[in-house]
Amino acid sequence: MIGEGEPLNVSNVGGKLDQAKEAVQAASRTVRETTQSVADAIEAGRRPGTPLDRVAQWTREAPLPALALAFMLGLIIARRRG
């Protein structure tokens, strides 16, 4: 609240603002690079003949067995963690 804590030092505000800007810019760069890396990995995995492409084709051809398999894998993983 106003009047509590340390008094506002105007000369220090500019430095803190610059530090905050730099931190936000660094975080933004990191998020952008990570997003691009994930997008590149997904794109590489979708090329014809790759495992992700084969799983996608199999899922389109047999949606019910794929759903059953995913359900069973989920049960197995949940029981191991629980």
N, C-alpha and C. Protein backbone atom coordinates (compact mmCIF):
# COMPACT_ATOMS: atom_id res chain seq x y z
N MET A 1 0.82 -1.17 0.00
CA MET A 1 0.00 0.00 0.00
C MET A 1 0.88 1.24 0.00
N ILE A 2 0.27 2.35 -0.26
CA ILE A 2 1.00 3.61 -0.28
C ILE A 2 1.45 3.93 1.13
N GLY A 3 2.72 4.34 1.25
CA GLY A 3 3.24 4.70 2.55
C GLY A 3 3.88 3.55 3.30
N GLU A 4 3.79 2.34 2.77
CA GLU A 4 4.39 1.19 3.43
C GLU A 4 5.65 0.77 2.67
N GLY A 5 6.57 0.16 3.35
CA GLY A 5 7.77 -0.35 2.71
C GLY A 5 8.78 0.73 2.42
N GLU A 6 9.67 0.42 1.48
CA GLU A 6 10.73 1.37 1.14
C GLU A 6 10.20 2.47 0.24
N PRO A 7 10.76 3.67 0.38
CA PRO A 7 10.32 4.76 -0.50
C PRO A 7 10.74 4.48 -1.95
N LEU A 8 9.95 4.97 -2.89
CA LEU A 8 10.22 4.78 -4.31
C LEU A 8 11.44 5.58 -4.70
N ASN A 9 12.42 4.91 -5.27
CA ASN A 9 13.64 5.56 -5.72
C ASN A 9 13.54 5.70 -7.23
N VAL A 10 13.31 6.90 -7.72
CA VAL A 10 13.06 7.14 -9.14
C VAL A 10 14.25 6.74 -9.99
N SER A 11 15.47 6.92 -9.51
CA SER A 11 16.65 6.59 -10.31
C SER A 11 16.79 5.08 -10.50
N ASN A 12 16.24 4.28 -9.60
CA ASN A 12 16.34 2.83 -9.67
C ASN A 12 15.25 2.22 -10.56
N VAL A 13 14.17 2.95 -10.80
CA VAL A 13 13.04 2.43 -11.56
C VAL A 13 13.44 2.14 -13.01
N GLY A 14 14.22 3.02 -13.61
CA GLY A 14 14.65 2.84 -14.99
C GLY A 14 15.48 1.59 -15.17
N GLY A 15 16.37 1.31 -14.24
CA GLY A 15 17.21 0.11 -14.31
C GLY A 15 16.40 -1.16 -14.17
N LYS A 16 15.45 -1.14 -13.26
CA LYS A 16 14.59 -2.32 -13.06
C LYS A 16 13.70 -2.55 -14.28
N LEU A 17 13.23 -1.48 -14.88
CA LEU A 17 12.40 -1.60 -16.07
C LEU A 17 13.20 -2.20 -17.22
N ASP A 18 14.44 -1.75 -17.37
CA ASP A 18 15.31 -2.31 -18.42
C ASP A 18 15.58 -3.80 -18.17
N GLN A 19 15.81 -4.16 -16.92
CA GLN A 19 16.03 -5.57 -16.59
C GLN A 19 14.80 -6.41 -16.90
N ALA A 20 13.64 -5.87 -16.58
CA ALA A 20 12.39 -6.59 -16.86
C ALA A 20 12.18 -6.75 -18.35
N LYS A 21 12.48 -5.71 -19.13
CA LYS A 21 12.35 -5.79 -20.58
C LYS A 21 13.28 -6.87 -21.15
N GLU A 22 14.52 -6.89 -20.68
CA GLU A 22 15.49 -7.88 -21.15
C GLU A 22 15.04 -9.30 -20.80
N ALA A 23 14.50 -9.46 -19.60
CA ALA A 23 14.03 -10.79 -19.19
C ALA A 23 12.86 -11.25 -20.05
N VAL A 24 11.94 -10.35 -20.35
CA VAL A 24 10.79 -10.70 -21.20
C VAL A 24 11.26 -11.02 -22.61
N GLN A 25 12.19 -10.25 -23.13
CA GLN A 25 12.71 -10.51 -24.48
C GLN A 25 13.44 -11.85 -24.54
N ALA A 26 14.22 -12.16 -23.52
CA ALA A 26 14.92 -13.45 -23.48
C ALA A 26 13.93 -14.60 -23.41
N ALA A 27 12.90 -14.46 -22.59
CA ALA A 27 11.88 -15.51 -22.49
C ALA A 27 11.14 -15.67 -23.81
N SER A 28 10.86 -14.56 -24.46
CA SER A 28 10.17 -14.60 -25.75
C SER A 28 11.02 -15.31 -26.80
N ARG A 29 12.31 -15.03 -26.83
CA ARG A 29 13.22 -15.71 -27.77
C ARG A 29 13.26 -17.21 -27.49
N THR A 30 13.32 -17.57 -26.22
CA THR A 30 13.37 -18.99 -25.86
C THR A 30 12.10 -19.71 -26.28
N VAL A 31 10.96 -19.10 -26.05
CA VAL A 31 9.68 -19.71 -26.44
C VAL A 31 9.61 -19.85 -27.95
N ARG A 32 10.04 -18.82 -28.68
CA ARG A 32 10.01 -18.85 -30.14
C ARG A 32 10.91 -19.97 -30.68
N GLU A 33 12.12 -20.09 -30.13
CA GLU A 33 13.06 -21.13 -30.58
C GLU A 33 12.54 -22.52 -30.26
N THR A 34 11.96 -22.68 -29.06
CA THR A 34 11.42 -23.98 -28.67
C THR A 34 10.24 -24.37 -29.55
N THR A 35 9.37 -23.41 -29.82
CA THR A 35 8.22 -23.68 -30.69
C THR A 35 8.68 -24.10 -32.07
N GLN A 36 9.67 -23.40 -32.61
CA GLN A 36 10.18 -23.75 -33.95
C GLN A 36 10.81 -25.13 -33.93
N SER A 37 11.52 -25.47 -32.88
CA SER A 37 12.14 -26.78 -32.77
C SER A 37 11.10 -27.89 -32.72
N VAL A 38 10.04 -27.69 -31.96
CA VAL A 38 8.97 -28.69 -31.88
C VAL A 38 8.26 -28.81 -33.22
N ALA A 39 7.99 -27.68 -33.87
CA ALA A 39 7.33 -27.71 -35.18
C ALA A 39 8.19 -28.44 -36.21
N ASP A 40 9.50 -28.22 -36.18
CA ASP A 40 10.40 -28.92 -37.10
C ASP A 40 10.41 -30.42 -36.83
N ALA A 41 10.40 -30.81 -35.56
CA ALA A 41 10.39 -32.23 -35.22
C ALA A 41 9.09 -32.89 -35.67
N ILE A 42 7.97 -32.21 -35.51
CA ILE A 42 6.69 -32.77 -35.95
C ILE A 42 6.67 -32.89 -37.46
N GLU A 43 7.16 -31.87 -38.14
CA GLU A 43 7.19 -31.91 -39.60
C GLU A 43 8.08 -33.04 -40.10
N ALA A 44 9.23 -33.23 -39.45
CA ALA A 44 10.12 -34.33 -39.83
C ALA A 44 9.46 -35.68 -39.57
N GLY A 45 8.68 -35.78 -38.52
CA GLY A 45 8.01 -37.03 -38.19
C GLY A 45 6.85 -37.35 -39.11
N ARG A 46 6.33 -36.36 -39.81
CA ARG A 46 5.20 -36.58 -40.71
C ARG A 46 5.62 -36.93 -42.13
N ARG A 47 6.89 -36.95 -42.40
CA ARG A 47 7.34 -37.32 -43.74
C ARG A 47 6.92 -38.76 -44.04
N PRO A 48 6.62 -39.05 -45.30
CA PRO A 48 6.18 -40.41 -45.65
C PRO A 48 7.21 -41.47 -45.23
N GLY A 49 6.71 -42.53 -44.62
CA GLY A 49 7.56 -43.64 -44.21
C GLY A 49 8.09 -43.56 -42.80
N THR A 50 7.93 -42.43 -42.15
CA THR A 50 8.41 -42.31 -40.77
C THR A 50 7.40 -42.96 -39.82
N PRO A 51 7.82 -43.29 -38.61
CA PRO A 51 6.90 -43.95 -37.67
C PRO A 51 5.63 -43.14 -37.39
N LEU A 52 5.75 -41.84 -37.26
CA LEU A 52 4.57 -41.02 -36.99
C LEU A 52 3.59 -41.08 -38.17
N ASP A 53 4.11 -41.08 -39.37
CA ASP A 53 3.26 -41.19 -40.55
C ASP A 53 2.57 -42.55 -40.59
N ARG A 54 3.28 -43.58 -40.25
CA ARG A 54 2.68 -44.92 -40.24
C ARG A 54 1.59 -45.03 -39.18
N VAL A 55 1.83 -44.48 -38.02
CA VAL A 55 0.81 -44.52 -36.95
C VAL A 55 -0.42 -43.72 -37.39
N ALA A 56 -0.21 -42.58 -38.02
CA ALA A 56 -1.33 -41.77 -38.49
C ALA A 56 -2.15 -42.52 -39.54
N GLN A 57 -1.47 -43.18 -40.46
CA GLN A 57 -2.18 -43.96 -41.48
C GLN A 57 -2.95 -45.11 -40.84
N TRP A 58 -2.32 -45.80 -39.91
CA TRP A 58 -2.97 -46.92 -39.25
C TRP A 58 -4.20 -46.46 -38.49
N THR A 59 -4.10 -45.31 -37.84
CA THR A 59 -5.21 -44.76 -37.07
C THR A 59 -6.38 -44.38 -37.98
N ARG A 60 -6.07 -43.81 -39.14
CA ARG A 60 -7.14 -43.47 -40.09
C ARG A 60 -7.81 -44.72 -40.65
N GLU A 61 -7.02 -45.78 -40.84
CA GLU A 61 -7.57 -47.01 -41.41
C GLU A 61 -8.37 -47.80 -40.39
N ALA A 62 -7.96 -47.76 -39.13
CA ALA A 62 -8.60 -48.58 -38.10
C ALA A 62 -8.80 -47.75 -36.84
N PRO A 63 -9.76 -46.83 -36.83
CA PRO A 63 -9.92 -45.96 -35.65
C PRO A 63 -10.33 -46.68 -34.38
N LEU A 64 -11.19 -47.68 -34.48
CA LEU A 64 -11.64 -48.36 -33.27
C LEU A 64 -10.52 -49.18 -32.62
N PRO A 65 -9.76 -49.99 -33.37
CA PRO A 65 -8.63 -50.69 -32.74
C PRO A 65 -7.58 -49.72 -32.18
N ALA A 66 -7.37 -48.60 -32.86
CA ALA A 66 -6.41 -47.62 -32.36
C ALA A 66 -6.88 -47.04 -31.03
N LEU A 67 -8.16 -46.76 -30.93
CA LEU A 67 -8.72 -46.24 -29.68
C LEU A 67 -8.60 -47.27 -28.56
N ALA A 68 -8.87 -48.52 -28.88
CA ALA A 68 -8.76 -49.58 -27.88
C ALA A 68 -7.31 -49.73 -27.41
N LEU A 69 -6.37 -49.66 -28.35
CA LEU A 69 -4.95 -49.77 -27.98
C LEU A 69 -4.53 -48.60 -27.10
N ALA A 70 -4.95 -47.41 -27.46
CA ALA A 70 -4.61 -46.23 -26.65
C ALA A 70 -5.20 -46.35 -25.24
N PHE A 71 -6.41 -46.85 -25.14
CA PHE A 71 -7.04 -47.04 -23.85
C PHE A 71 -6.26 -48.04 -23.00
N MET A 72 -5.87 -49.16 -23.61
CA MET A 72 -5.13 -50.19 -22.88
C MET A 72 -3.76 -49.67 -22.43
N LEU A 73 -3.08 -48.94 -23.31
CA LEU A 73 -1.79 -48.36 -22.92
C LEU A 73 -1.97 -47.37 -21.78
N GLY A 74 -3.03 -46.59 -21.83
CA GLY A 74 -3.31 -45.65 -20.74
C GLY A 74 -3.53 -46.36 -19.42
N LEU A 75 -4.26 -47.46 -19.46
CA LEU A 75 -4.48 -48.25 -18.23
C LEU A 75 -3.16 -48.79 -17.68
N ILE A 76 -2.35 -49.32 -18.57
CA ILE A 76 -1.06 -49.89 -18.13
C ILE A 76 -0.19 -48.82 -17.50
N ILE A 77 -0.10 -47.66 -18.15
CA ILE A 77 0.74 -46.58 -17.61
C ILE A 77 0.17 -46.07 -16.29
N ALA A 78 -1.15 -45.93 -16.20
CA ALA A 78 -1.76 -45.43 -14.97
C ALA A 78 -1.55 -46.40 -13.80
N ARG A 79 -1.61 -47.68 -14.06
CA ARG A 79 -1.42 -48.66 -12.97
C ARG A 79 0.02 -48.66 -12.48
N ARG A 80 0.97 -48.47 -13.38
CA ARG A 80 2.39 -48.45 -12.98
C ARG A 80 2.69 -47.23 -12.11
N ARG A 81 2.07 -46.12 -12.40
CA ARG A 81 2.32 -44.89 -11.64
C ARG A 81 1.55 -44.87 -10.33
N GLY A 82 0.46 -45.59 -10.28
CA GLY A 82 -0.40 -45.53 -9.09
C GLY A 82 -0.03 -46.46 -8.04
